[in-house]
Amino acid sequence: MIWIEHIPHALRAVSDRILVLDFGRKVLEGPPADVMDSAVVREIYMGLKADGVA
């Protein structure tokens, strides 16, 4: 199933694996907790740098 979602906790509740794309390029794939906790994903989708500052 393909599900496009921008509410992270919605995906965590129903997914076993998440694939993150950025402008069509695969960035990361794995378990929801690992993917959503990734500094790269947080920077791309939430505007947060690795130190947590926007």
PDB file of N, CA and C in Angstrom:
ATOM      1  N   MET A   1       0.833  -1.158   0.000  1.00  0.00           N
ATOM      2  CA  MET A   1       0.000   0.000   0.000  1.00  0.00           C
ATOM      3  C   MET A   1       0.890   1.236   0.000  1.00  0.00           C
ATOM      4  N   ILE A   2       0.520   2.216  -0.734  1.00  0.00           N
ATOM      5  CA  ILE A   2       1.206   3.512  -0.704  1.00  0.00           C
ATOM      6  C   ILE A   2       0.302   4.495   0.021  1.00  0.00           C
ATOM      7  N   TRP A   3       0.882   5.161   1.010  1.00  0.00           N
ATOM      8  CA  TRP A   3       0.113   6.117   1.800  1.00  0.00           C
ATOM      9  C   TRP A   3       0.985   7.358   1.946  1.00  0.00           C
ATOM     10  N   ILE A   4       0.534   8.460   1.420  1.00  0.00           N
ATOM     11  CA  ILE A   4       1.272   9.714   1.538  1.00  0.00           C
ATOM     12  C   ILE A   4       0.705  10.443   2.747  1.00  0.00           C
ATOM     13  N   GLU A   5       1.571  10.742   3.701  1.00  0.00           N
ATOM     14  CA  GLU A   5       1.117  11.315   4.962  1.00  0.00           C
ATOM     15  C   GLU A   5       2.169  12.277   5.501  1.00  0.00           C
ATOM     16  N   HIS A   6       1.708  13.367   6.079  1.00  0.00           N
ATOM     17  CA  HIS A   6       2.619  14.335   6.684  1.00  0.00           C
ATOM     18  C   HIS A   6       2.376  14.483   8.180  1.00  0.00           C
ATOM     19  N   ILE A   7       1.630  13.551   8.744  1.00  0.00           N
ATOM     20  CA  ILE A   7       1.409  13.521  10.188  1.00  0.00           C
ATOM     21  C   ILE A   7       2.118  12.270  10.714  1.00  0.00           C
ATOM     22  N   PRO A   8       3.335  12.440  11.225  1.00  0.00           N
ATOM     23  CA  PRO A   8       4.167  11.289  11.588  1.00  0.00           C
ATOM     24  C   PRO A   8       3.505  10.282  12.517  1.00  0.00           C
ATOM     25  N   HIS A   9       2.780  10.736  13.531  1.00  0.00           N
ATOM     26  CA  HIS A   9       2.203   9.769  14.472  1.00  0.00           C
ATOM     27  C   HIS A   9       1.124   8.909  13.812  1.00  0.00           C
ATOM     28  N   ALA A  10       0.507   9.389  12.751  1.00  0.00           N
ATOM     29  CA  ALA A  10      -0.476   8.575  12.027  1.00  0.00           C
ATOM     30  C   ALA A  10       0.212   7.376  11.376  1.00  0.00           C
ATOM     31  N   LEU A  11       1.378   7.603  10.805  1.00  0.00           N
ATOM     32  CA  LEU A  11       2.118   6.506  10.174  1.00  0.00           C
ATOM     33  C   LEU A  11       2.648   5.518  11.204  1.00  0.00           C
ATOM     34  N   ARG A  12       3.125   6.008  12.323  1.00  0.00           N
ATOM     35  CA  ARG A  12       3.656   5.123  13.368  1.00  0.00           C
ATOM     36  C   ARG A  12       2.601   4.143  13.854  1.00  0.00           C
ATOM     37  N   ALA A  13       1.357   4.574  13.887  1.00  0.00           N
ATOM     38  CA  ALA A  13       0.279   3.761  14.435  1.00  0.00           C
ATOM     39  C   ALA A  13      -0.114   2.591  13.535  1.00  0.00           C
ATOM     40  N   VAL A  14       0.125   2.705  12.228  1.00  0.00           N
ATOM     41  CA  VAL A  14      -0.395   1.686  11.305  1.00  0.00           C
ATOM     42  C   VAL A  14       0.662   1.012  10.431  1.00  0.00           C
ATOM     43  N   SER A  15       1.904   1.440  10.502  1.00  0.00           N
ATOM     44  CA  SER A  15       2.927   0.928   9.583  1.00  0.00           C
ATOM     45  C   SER A  15       3.979   0.080  10.280  1.00  0.00           C
ATOM     46  N   ASP A  16       4.452  -0.937   9.545  1.00  0.00           N
ATOM     47  CA  ASP A  16       5.584  -1.734  10.008  1.00  0.00           C
ATOM     48  C   ASP A  16       6.885  -1.218   9.421  1.00  0.00           C
ATOM     49  N   ARG A  17       6.787  -0.625   8.222  1.00  0.00           N
ATOM     50  CA  ARG A  17       7.954  -0.061   7.531  1.00  0.00           C
ATOM     51  C   ARG A  17       7.530   1.233   6.860  1.00  0.00           C
ATOM     52  N   ILE A  18       8.452   2.181   6.791  1.00  0.00           N
ATOM     53  CA  ILE A  18       8.200   3.465   6.138  1.00  0.00           C
ATOM     54  C   ILE A  18       9.335   3.727   5.151  1.00  0.00           C
ATOM     55  N   LEU A  19       8.972   4.237   4.001  1.00  0.00           N
ATOM     56  CA  LEU A  19       9.933   4.662   2.981  1.00  0.00           C
ATOM     57  C   LEU A  19       9.772   6.163   2.825  1.00  0.00           C
ATOM     58  N   VAL A  20      10.852   6.917   2.985  1.00  0.00           N
ATOM     59  CA  VAL A  20      10.823   8.363   2.875  1.00  0.00           C
ATOM     60  C   VAL A  20      11.456   8.779   1.556  1.00  0.00           C
ATOM     61  N   LEU A  21      10.720   9.612   0.814  1.00  0.00           N
ATOM     62  CA  LEU A  21      11.219  10.167  -0.445  1.00  0.00           C
ATOM     63  C   LEU A  21      11.393  11.668  -0.287  1.00  0.00           C
ATOM     64  N   ASP A  22      12.385  12.207  -0.945  1.00  0.00           N
ATOM     65  CA  ASP A  22      12.605  13.650  -1.007  1.00  0.00           C
ATOM     66  C   ASP A  22      12.840  13.998  -2.466  1.00  0.00           C
ATOM     67  N   PHE A  23      11.863  14.691  -3.071  1.00  0.00           N
ATOM     68  CA  PHE A  23      11.923  15.020  -4.503  1.00  0.00           C
ATOM     69  C   PHE A  23      12.159  13.772  -5.353  1.00  0.00           C
ATOM     70  N   GLY A  24      11.470  12.673  -4.986  1.00  0.00           N
ATOM     71  CA  GLY A  24      11.543  11.436  -5.746  1.00  0.00           C
ATOM     72  C   GLY A  24      12.752  10.558  -5.449  1.00  0.00           C
ATOM     73  N   ARG A  25      13.630  11.018  -4.580  1.00  0.00           N
ATOM     74  CA  ARG A  25      14.831  10.253  -4.223  1.00  0.00           C
ATOM     75  C   ARG A  25      14.604   9.546  -2.892  1.00  0.00           C
ATOM     76  N   LYS A  26      14.912   8.237  -2.844  1.00  0.00           N
ATOM     77  CA  LYS A  26      14.769   7.485  -1.601  1.00  0.00           C
ATOM     78  C   LYS A  26      15.799   7.979  -0.591  1.00  0.00           C
ATOM     79  N   VAL A  27      15.302   8.381   0.568  1.00  0.00           N
ATOM     80  CA  VAL A  27      16.163   8.901   1.621  1.00  0.00           C
ATOM     81  C   VAL A  27      16.423   7.841   2.683  1.00  0.00           C
ATOM     82  N   LEU A  28      15.364   7.156   3.106  1.00  0.00           N
ATOM     83  CA  LEU A  28      15.501   6.199   4.199  1.00  0.00           C
ATOM     84  C   LEU A  28      14.317   5.245   4.183  1.00  0.00           C
ATOM     85  N   GLU A  29      14.551   4.013   4.614  1.00  0.00           N
ATOM     86  CA  GLU A  29      13.488   3.020   4.717  1.00  0.00           C
ATOM     87  C   GLU A  29      13.744   2.173   5.946  1.00  0.00           C
ATOM     88  N   GLY A  30      12.683   1.881   6.699  1.00  0.00           N
ATOM     89  CA  GLY A  30      12.832   1.032   7.868  1.00  0.00           C
ATOM     90  C   GLY A  30      11.651   1.117   8.797  1.00  0.00           C
ATOM     91  N   PRO A  31      11.820   0.614  10.023  1.00  0.00           N
ATOM     92  CA  PRO A  31      10.752   0.675  11.018  1.00  0.00           C
ATOM     93  C   PRO A  31      10.375   2.127  11.327  1.00  0.00           C
ATOM     94  N   PRO A  32       9.105   2.406  11.587  1.00  0.00           N
ATOM     95  CA  PRO A  32       8.655   3.784  11.810  1.00  0.00           C
ATOM     96  C   PRO A  32       9.468   4.556  12.854  1.00  0.00           C
ATOM     97  N   ALA A  33       9.759   3.939  13.986  1.00  0.00           N
ATOM     98  CA  ALA A  33      10.503   4.657  15.034  1.00  0.00           C
ATOM     99  C   ALA A  33      11.881   5.073  14.544  1.00  0.00           C
ATOM    100  N   ASP A  34      12.572   4.182  13.849  1.00  0.00           N
ATOM    101  CA  ASP A  34      13.914   4.495  13.343  1.00  0.00           C
ATOM    102  C   ASP A  34      13.865   5.610  12.299  1.00  0.00           C
ATOM    103  N   VAL A  35      12.899   5.516  11.407  1.00  0.00           N
ATOM    104  CA  VAL A  35      12.795   6.501  10.328  1.00  0.00           C
ATOM    105  C   VAL A  35      12.426   7.876  10.883  1.00  0.00           C
ATOM    106  N   MET A  36      11.413   7.926  11.731  1.00  0.00           N
ATOM    107  CA  MET A  36      10.960   9.219  12.257  1.00  0.00           C
ATOM    108  C   MET A  36      11.960   9.851  13.218  1.00  0.00           C
ATOM    109  N   ASP A  37      12.803   9.041  13.832  1.00  0.00           N
ATOM    110  CA  ASP A  37      13.818   9.576  14.740  1.00  0.00           C
ATOM    111  C   ASP A  37      15.106   9.964  14.017  1.00  0.00           C
ATOM    112  N   SER A  38      15.169   9.720  12.714  1.00  0.00           N
ATOM    113  CA  SER A  38      16.354  10.027  11.925  1.00  0.00           C
ATOM    114  C   SER A  38      16.555  11.536  11.795  1.00  0.00           C
ATOM    115  N   ALA A  39      17.771  11.988  12.013  1.00  0.00           N
ATOM    116  CA  ALA A  39      18.091  13.413  11.868  1.00  0.00           C
ATOM    117  C   ALA A  39      17.851  13.889  10.440  1.00  0.00           C
ATOM    118  N   VAL A  40      18.119  13.036   9.464  1.00  0.00           N
ATOM    119  CA  VAL A  40      17.917  13.409   8.057  1.00  0.00           C
ATOM    120  C   VAL A  40      16.437  13.643   7.778  1.00  0.00           C
ATOM    121  N   VAL A  41      15.594  12.742   8.244  1.00  0.00           N
ATOM    122  CA  VAL A  41      14.150  12.876   8.031  1.00  0.00           C
ATOM    123  C   VAL A  41      13.620  14.099   8.769  1.00  0.00           C
ATOM    124  N   ARG A  42      14.056  14.305   9.992  1.00  0.00           N
ATOM    125  CA  ARG A  42      13.600  15.485  10.749  1.00  0.00           C
ATOM    126  C   ARG A  42      13.998  16.769  10.046  1.00  0.00           C
ATOM    127  N   GLU A  43      15.186  16.799   9.473  1.00  0.00           N
ATOM    128  CA  GLU A  43      15.628  18.012   8.773  1.00  0.00           C
ATOM    129  C   GLU A  43      14.815  18.239   7.502  1.00  0.00           C
ATOM    130  N   ILE A  44      14.598  17.199   6.718  1.00  0.00           N
ATOM    131  CA  ILE A  44      13.869  17.333   5.453  1.00  0.00           C
ATOM    132  C   ILE A  44      12.414  17.721   5.688  1.00  0.00           C
ATOM    133  N   TYR A  45      11.733  17.019   6.573  1.00  0.00           N
ATOM    134  CA  TYR A  45      10.289  17.183   6.705  1.00  0.00           C
ATOM    135  C   TYR A  45       9.846  18.106   7.819  1.00  0.00           C
ATOM    136  N   MET A  46      10.686  18.335   8.811  1.00  0.00           N
ATOM    137  CA  MET A  46      10.281  19.169   9.925  1.00  0.00           C
ATOM    138  C   MET A  46      11.131  20.422  10.061  1.00  0.00           C
ATOM    139  N   GLY A  47      12.121  20.559   9.196  1.00  0.00           N
ATOM    140  CA  GLY A  47      12.964  21.746   9.225  1.00  0.00           C
ATOM    141  C   GLY A  47      13.897  21.813  10.412  1.00  0.00           C
ATOM    142  N   LEU A  48      14.132  20.692  11.090  1.00  0.00           N
ATOM    143  CA  LEU A  48      15.000  20.674  12.268  1.00  0.00           C
ATOM    144  C   LEU A  48      16.396  20.205  11.906  1.00  0.00           C
ATOM    145  N   LYS A  49      17.382  20.892  12.362  1.00  0.00           N
ATOM    146  CA  LYS A  49      18.778  20.453  12.204  1.00  0.00           C
ATOM    147  C   LYS A  49      19.057  19.359  13.222  1.00  0.00           C
ATOM    148  N   ALA A  50      20.194  18.697  13.091  1.00  0.00           N
ATOM    149  CA  ALA A  50      20.557  17.592  13.984  1.00  0.00           C
ATOM    150  C   ALA A  50      20.548  18.007  15.455  1.00  0.00           C
ATOM    151  N   ASP A  51      20.780  19.295  15.745  1.00  0.00           N
ATOM    152  CA  ASP A  51      20.794  19.747  17.136  1.00  0.00           C
ATOM    153  C   ASP A  51      19.404  20.140  17.620  1.00  0.00           C
ATOM    154  N   GLY A  52      18.364  19.953  16.763  1.00  0.00           N
ATOM    155  CA  GLY A  52      17.002  20.248  17.160  1.00  0.00           C
ATOM    156  C   GLY A  52      16.577  21.695  16.932  1.00  0.00           C
ATOM    157  N   VAL A  53      17.463  22.504  16.372  1.00  0.00           N
ATOM    158  CA  VAL A  53      17.154  23.913  16.124  1.00  0.00           C
ATOM    159  C   VAL A  53      16.745  24.094  14.683  1.00  0.00           C
ATOM    160  N   ALA A  54      15.673  24.843  14.470  1.00  0.00           N
ATOM    161  CA  ALA A  54      15.185  25.098  13.103  1.00  0.00           C
ATOM    162  C   ALA A  54      16.020  26.150  12.409  1.00  0.00           C
TER     163      ALA A  54
END
